[in-house]
C-alpha atoms as a PDB file:
ATOM      1  CA  MET A   1     -34.947   0.357  -5.714  1.00  0.00           C
ATOM      2  CA  SER A   2     -32.242  -2.559  -4.514  1.00  0.00           C
ATOM      3  CA  ASP A   3     -29.704  -2.301  -2.136  1.00  0.00           C
ATOM      4  CA  PHE A   4     -27.448  -3.254  -5.163  1.00  0.00           C
ATOM      5  CA  LYS A   5     -28.599  -0.385  -7.364  1.00  0.00           C
ATOM      6  CA  LEU A   6     -28.399   2.066  -4.465  1.00  0.00           C
ATOM      7  CA  LYS A   7     -25.228   0.978  -3.392  1.00  0.00           C
ATOM      8  CA  VAL A   8     -23.777   1.480  -7.275  1.00  0.00           C
ATOM      9  CA  VAL A   9     -25.790   5.042  -8.066  1.00  0.00           C
ATOM     10  CA  LEU A  10     -24.340   5.771  -4.007  1.00  0.00           C
ATOM     11  CA  THR A  11     -20.920   4.861  -4.921  1.00  0.00           C
ATOM     12  CA  VAL A  12     -20.985   6.836  -8.633  1.00  0.00           C
ATOM     13  CA  LEU A  13     -22.484   9.583  -7.091  1.00  0.00           C
ATOM     14  CA  THR A  14     -19.249   9.725  -4.052  1.00  0.00           C
ATOM     15  CA  GLY A  15     -16.541   9.130  -7.098  1.00  0.00           C
ATOM     16  CA  ILE A  16     -17.945  11.995  -9.012  1.00  0.00           C
ATOM     17  CA  ILE A  17     -18.392  14.264  -5.974  1.00  0.00           C
ATOM     18  CA  PHE A  18     -14.967  13.281  -4.579  1.00  0.00           C
ATOM     19  CA  SER A  19     -13.660  14.061  -8.014  1.00  0.00           C
ATOM     20  CA  PHE A  20     -15.096  17.414  -7.980  1.00  0.00           C
ATOM     21  CA  VAL A  21     -13.384  18.645  -4.690  1.00  0.00           C
ATOM     22  CA  PHE A  22      -9.502  17.569  -5.655  1.00  0.00           C
ATOM     23  CA  ILE A  23     -10.477  19.636  -9.502  1.00  0.00           C
ATOM     24  CA  ILE A  24     -11.817  22.398  -8.017  1.00  0.00           C
ATOM     25  CA  LEU A  25      -8.775  22.083  -4.875  1.00  0.00           C
ATOM     26  CA  ALA A  26      -6.087  22.457  -7.837  1.00  0.00           C
ATOM     27  CA  PHE A  27      -7.302  24.971  -9.585  1.00  0.00           C
ATOM     28  CA  VAL A  28      -7.964  26.879  -5.719  1.00  0.00           C
ATOM     29  CA  LEU A  29      -4.420  26.328  -4.488  1.00  0.00           C
ATOM     30  CA  PRO A  30      -1.502  28.252  -5.899  1.00  0.00           C
ATOM     31  CA  PRO A  31       1.909  26.136  -7.158  1.00  0.00           C
ATOM     32  CA  GLN A  32       4.460  26.101  -4.645  1.00  0.00           C
ATOM     33  CA  GLU A  33       7.667  28.130  -5.737  1.00  0.00           C
ATOM     34  CA  GLU A  34      10.943  26.377  -6.200  1.00  0.00           C
ATOM     35  CA  LYS A  35      12.971  28.370  -5.090  1.00  0.00           C
ATOM     36  CA  PRO A  36      15.902  29.163  -7.890  1.00  0.00           C
ATOM     37  CA  THR A  37      19.097  27.551  -6.683  1.00  0.00           C
ATOM     38  CA  VAL A  38      22.801  29.524  -7.116  1.00  0.00           C
ATOM     39  CA  ILE A  39      25.806  27.374  -8.180  1.00  0.00           C
ATOM     40  CA  LYS A  40      28.874  29.454  -7.377  1.00  0.00           C
ATOM     41  CA  LYS A  41      32.165  28.718  -9.268  1.00  0.00           C
ATOM     42  CA  PRO A  42      34.588  27.748  -6.557  1.00  0.00           C
ATOM     43  CA  SER A  43      37.021  30.691  -6.454  1.00  0.00           C
ATOM     44  CA  ASN A  44      39.974  29.148  -4.593  1.00  0.00           C
ATOM     45  CA  LEU A  45      41.427  26.005  -4.974  1.00  0.00           C
ATOM     46  CA  LEU A  46      40.411  24.580  -1.730  1.00  0.00           C
ATOM     47  CA  GLU A  47      36.736  25.044  -2.949  1.00  0.00           C
ATOM     48  CA  GLU A  48      37.758  23.303  -6.306  1.00  0.00           C
ATOM     49  CA  VAL A  49      38.578  20.516  -3.993  1.00  0.00           C
ATOM     50  CA  SER A  50      35.514  20.302  -1.654  1.00  0.00           C
ATOM     51  CA  ARG A  51      33.495  20.182  -4.883  1.00  0.00           C
ATOM     52  CA  SER A  52      34.828  17.762  -6.539  1.00  0.00           C
ATOM     53  CA  LEU A  53      34.941  15.093  -3.614  1.00  0.00           C
ATOM     54  CA  LYS A  54      31.050  16.447  -3.474  1.00  0.00           C
ATOM     55  CA  GLU A  55      29.994  15.178  -7.279  1.00  0.00           C
ATOM     56  CA  LYS A  56      31.658  11.749  -6.153  1.00  0.00           C
END
């Protein structure tokens, strides 16, 4: 086998193995859970003003 064919075969096999490892990791590792965000309603005028300034 010539050097070029050997390099092509090794490159293809390496790519397949590399992809296979990432596919296996995607199934094995658990997804990261997002923490629920709690939106609190303002209870007084100061909180209301503060919230409206943060939104701008």
